[in-house]
Amino acid sequence: MGIPGLTPYAQEAEPLVQRSIAAGSIGASYSIVGSIFSDPVVCLIIVSTLNGAVQISLDGTNHFLPIPAGGTLIIDEKTNGIVLAGWRGVYVQDLDNPTTGSLYVSGFTL
């Protein structure tokens, strides 16, 4: 029967397996966080418990966005009518020499 006023979606989002990288594994060159995504990503969530800022890349070469110490980034591609193509990953490099904490990446796919 559903909830009145809500339109059912043709596809249901599936949660991605969480990926992470510890501060000690983040260096001056890009390192992948976990593994690449095998499916398109419709919502990307990055959470830092690091004590220093890091730079994020989606291809391991080009800078995307910096993430401050303790920062969170949520990119809802589906709402904007786009998706992050499959076979990409989240890469991280040192900006501010984090020594403790981790960077976590998760999200949703269709």
C-alpha atoms as a PDB file:
ATOM      1  CA  MET A   1       0.000   0.000   0.000  1.00  0.00           C
ATOM      2  CA  GLY A   2       2.815   2.421   0.773  1.00  0.00           C
ATOM      3  CA  ILE A   3       2.823   5.861   2.298  1.00  0.00           C
ATOM      4  CA  PRO A   4       0.268   8.285   0.816  1.00  0.00           C
ATOM      5  CA  GLY A   5       1.872  11.093  -1.196  1.00  0.00           C
ATOM      6  CA  LEU A   6       5.165   9.270  -1.764  1.00  0.00           C
ATOM      7  CA  THR A   7       5.984   7.967  -5.209  1.00  0.00           C
ATOM      8  CA  PRO A   8       7.769   4.602  -5.251  1.00  0.00           C
ATOM      9  CA  TYR A   9      11.164   4.612  -6.945  1.00  0.00           C
ATOM     10  CA  ALA A  10      11.901   2.272  -9.822  1.00  0.00           C
ATOM     11  CA  GLN A  11      15.241   1.384  -8.247  1.00  0.00           C
ATOM     12  CA  GLU A  12      16.320   0.988  -4.660  1.00  0.00           C
ATOM     13  CA  ALA A  13      19.679   2.242  -3.455  1.00  0.00           C
ATOM     14  CA  GLU A  14      22.054  -0.361  -2.044  1.00  0.00           C
ATOM     15  CA  PRO A  15      24.645   0.587   0.596  1.00  0.00           C
ATOM     16  CA  LEU A  16      28.295   0.215  -0.357  1.00  0.00           C
ATOM     17  CA  VAL A  17      30.757  -1.658   1.805  1.00  0.00           C
ATOM     18  CA  GLN A  18      32.715   0.818   3.926  1.00  0.00           C
ATOM     19  CA  ARG A  19      36.299   1.461   2.865  1.00  0.00           C
ATOM     20  CA  SER A  20      38.941   3.047   5.087  1.00  0.00           C
ATOM     21  CA  ILE A  21      42.576   4.058   5.340  1.00  0.00           C
ATOM     22  CA  ALA A  22      44.520   4.789   8.535  1.00  0.00           C
ATOM     23  CA  ALA A  23      46.610   7.933   9.034  1.00  0.00           C
ATOM     24  CA  GLY A  24      49.863   5.965   8.891  1.00  0.00           C
ATOM     25  CA  SER A  25      49.075   4.781   5.337  1.00  0.00           C
ATOM     26  CA  ILE A  26      48.521   8.305   3.960  1.00  0.00           C
ATOM     27  CA  GLY A  27      51.577   9.837   2.325  1.00  0.00           C
ATOM     28  CA  ALA A  28      52.740  12.464  -0.155  1.00  0.00           C
ATOM     29  CA  SER A  29      51.420  10.540  -3.179  1.00  0.00           C
ATOM     30  CA  TYR A  30      47.863   9.306  -3.676  1.00  0.00           C
ATOM     31  CA  SER A  31      46.774   6.028  -2.050  1.00  0.00           C
ATOM     32  CA  ILE A  32      43.440   4.364  -2.792  1.00  0.00           C
ATOM     33  CA  VAL A  33      40.969   4.144   0.073  1.00  0.00           C
ATOM     34  CA  GLY A  34      40.031   0.459   0.124  1.00  0.00           C
ATOM     35  CA  SER A  35      39.174  -0.512  -3.445  1.00  0.00           C
ATOM     36  CA  ILE A  36      37.554   0.925  -6.553  1.00  0.00           C
ATOM     37  CA  PHE A  37      33.771   0.956  -6.961  1.00  0.00           C
ATOM     38  CA  SER A  38      32.543  -1.713  -9.359  1.00  0.00           C
ATOM     39  CA  ASP A  39      29.147  -0.016  -9.788  1.00  0.00           C
ATOM     40  CA  PRO A  40      28.051   3.608 -10.294  1.00  0.00           C
ATOM     41  CA  VAL A  41      27.769   5.563  -7.039  1.00  0.00           C
ATOM     42  CA  VAL A  42      24.687   7.725  -6.470  1.00  0.00           C
ATOM     43  CA  CYS A  43      25.698   9.062  -3.045  1.00  0.00           C
ATOM     44  CA  LEU A  44      29.278   9.312  -1.795  1.00  0.00           C
ATOM     45  CA  ILE A  45      30.047   9.827   1.898  1.00  0.00           C
ATOM     46  CA  ILE A  46      33.537  10.611   3.218  1.00  0.00           C
ATOM     47  CA  VAL A  47      34.171  10.935   6.961  1.00  0.00           C
ATOM     48  CA  SER A  48      37.513  11.913   8.461  1.00  0.00           C
ATOM     49  CA  THR A  49      38.557  11.166  12.020  1.00  0.00           C
ATOM     50  CA  LEU A  50      42.083  12.279  11.082  1.00  0.00           C
ATOM     51  CA  ASN A  51      43.926  14.968  13.034  1.00  0.00           C
ATOM     52  CA  GLY A  52      45.158  16.650   9.825  1.00  0.00           C
ATOM     53  CA  ALA A  53      43.749  17.713   6.468  1.00  0.00           C
ATOM     54  CA  VAL A  54      43.972  15.475   3.386  1.00  0.00           C
ATOM     55  CA  GLN A  55      43.468  15.941  -0.357  1.00  0.00           C
ATOM     56  CA  ILE A  56      40.937  13.740  -2.170  1.00  0.00           C
ATOM     57  CA  SER A  57      41.102  12.575  -5.791  1.00  0.00           C
ATOM     58  CA  LEU A  58      38.637  10.466  -7.787  1.00  0.00           C
ATOM     59  CA  ASP A  59      41.219   9.248 -10.298  1.00  0.00           C
ATOM     60  CA  GLY A  60      44.453   9.110  -8.283  1.00  0.00           C
ATOM     61  CA  THR A  61      46.004  11.983 -10.245  1.00  0.00           C
ATOM     62  CA  ASN A  62      43.855  15.118 -10.194  1.00  0.00           C
ATOM     63  CA  HIS A  63      42.904  16.956  -6.996  1.00  0.00           C
ATOM     64  CA  PHE A  64      39.171  16.913  -6.244  1.00  0.00           C
ATOM     65  CA  LEU A  65      38.626  18.438  -2.792  1.00  0.00           C
ATOM     66  CA  PRO A  66      40.514  18.865   0.470  1.00  0.00           C
ATOM     67  CA  ILE A  67      38.951  17.322   3.567  1.00  0.00           C
ATOM     68  CA  PRO A  68      39.770  19.124   6.831  1.00  0.00           C
ATOM     69  CA  ALA A  69      40.667  17.281  10.039  1.00  0.00           C
ATOM     70  CA  GLY A  70      37.465  15.763  11.398  1.00  0.00           C
ATOM     71  CA  GLY A  71      35.546  16.798   8.264  1.00  0.00           C
ATOM     72  CA  THR A  72      32.641  15.126   6.482  1.00  0.00           C
ATOM     73  CA  LEU A  73      31.706  15.322   2.805  1.00  0.00           C
ATOM     74  CA  ILE A  74      28.422  14.051   1.360  1.00  0.00           C
ATOM     75  CA  ILE A  75      27.933  14.202  -2.405  1.00  0.00           C
ATOM     76  CA  ASP A  76      24.397  13.286  -3.449  1.00  0.00           C
ATOM     77  CA  GLU A  77      24.827  12.726  -7.163  1.00  0.00           C
ATOM     78  CA  LYS A  78      21.363  11.185  -7.670  1.00  0.00           C
ATOM     79  CA  THR A  79      19.517  14.314  -6.532  1.00  0.00           C
ATOM     80  CA  ASN A  80      21.496  16.287  -9.107  1.00  0.00           C
ATOM     81  CA  GLY A  81      20.693  13.752 -11.840  1.00  0.00           C
ATOM     82  CA  ILE A  82      24.252  12.391 -12.142  1.00  0.00           C
ATOM     83  CA  VAL A  83      26.224   9.394 -10.886  1.00  0.00           C
ATOM     84  CA  LEU A  84      29.899   8.741 -10.196  1.00  0.00           C
ATOM     85  CA  ALA A  85      30.869   6.168 -12.803  1.00  0.00           C
ATOM     86  CA  GLY A  86      31.803   2.682 -11.693  1.00  0.00           C
ATOM     87  CA  TRP A  87      35.448   1.603 -11.827  1.00  0.00           C
ATOM     88  CA  ARG A  88      36.552   4.721  -9.977  1.00  0.00           C
ATOM     89  CA  GLY A  89      37.789   5.020  -6.459  1.00  0.00           C
ATOM     90  CA  VAL A  90      38.551   7.561  -3.768  1.00  0.00           C
ATOM     91  CA  TYR A  91      42.238   8.361  -3.377  1.00  0.00           C
ATOM     92  CA  VAL A  92      43.846  10.370  -0.584  1.00  0.00           C
ATOM     93  CA  GLN A  93      47.134  12.184  -0.026  1.00  0.00           C
ATOM     94  CA  ASP A  94      48.640  14.095   2.880  1.00  0.00           C
ATOM     95  CA  LEU A  95      48.075  17.849   3.178  1.00  0.00           C
ATOM     96  CA  ASP A  96      48.666  18.450   6.875  1.00  0.00           C
ATOM     97  CA  ASN A  97      50.559  15.353   8.114  1.00  0.00           C
ATOM     98  CA  PRO A  98      47.754  13.445   9.875  1.00  0.00           C
ATOM     99  CA  THR A  99      49.156  11.058  12.496  1.00  0.00           C
ATOM    100  CA  THR A 100      46.029   9.634  14.112  1.00  0.00           C
ATOM    101  CA  GLY A 101      42.567   8.600  12.965  1.00  0.00           C
ATOM    102  CA  SER A 102      41.264   7.234   9.680  1.00  0.00           C
ATOM    103  CA  LEU A 103      39.412   8.298   6.539  1.00  0.00           C
ATOM    104  CA  TYR A 104      36.191   6.387   5.846  1.00  0.00           C
ATOM    105  CA  VAL A 105      34.383   6.162   2.518  1.00  0.00           C
ATOM    106  CA  SER A 106      30.939   4.723   1.880  1.00  0.00           C
ATOM    107  CA  GLY A 107      27.752   5.572   0.036  1.00  0.00           C
ATOM    108  CA  PHE A 108      25.024   4.043  -2.087  1.00  0.00           C
ATOM    109  CA  THR A 109      24.713   2.466  -5.510  1.00  0.00           C
ATOM    110  CA  LEU A 110      21.693   1.382  -7.528  1.00  0.00           C
END
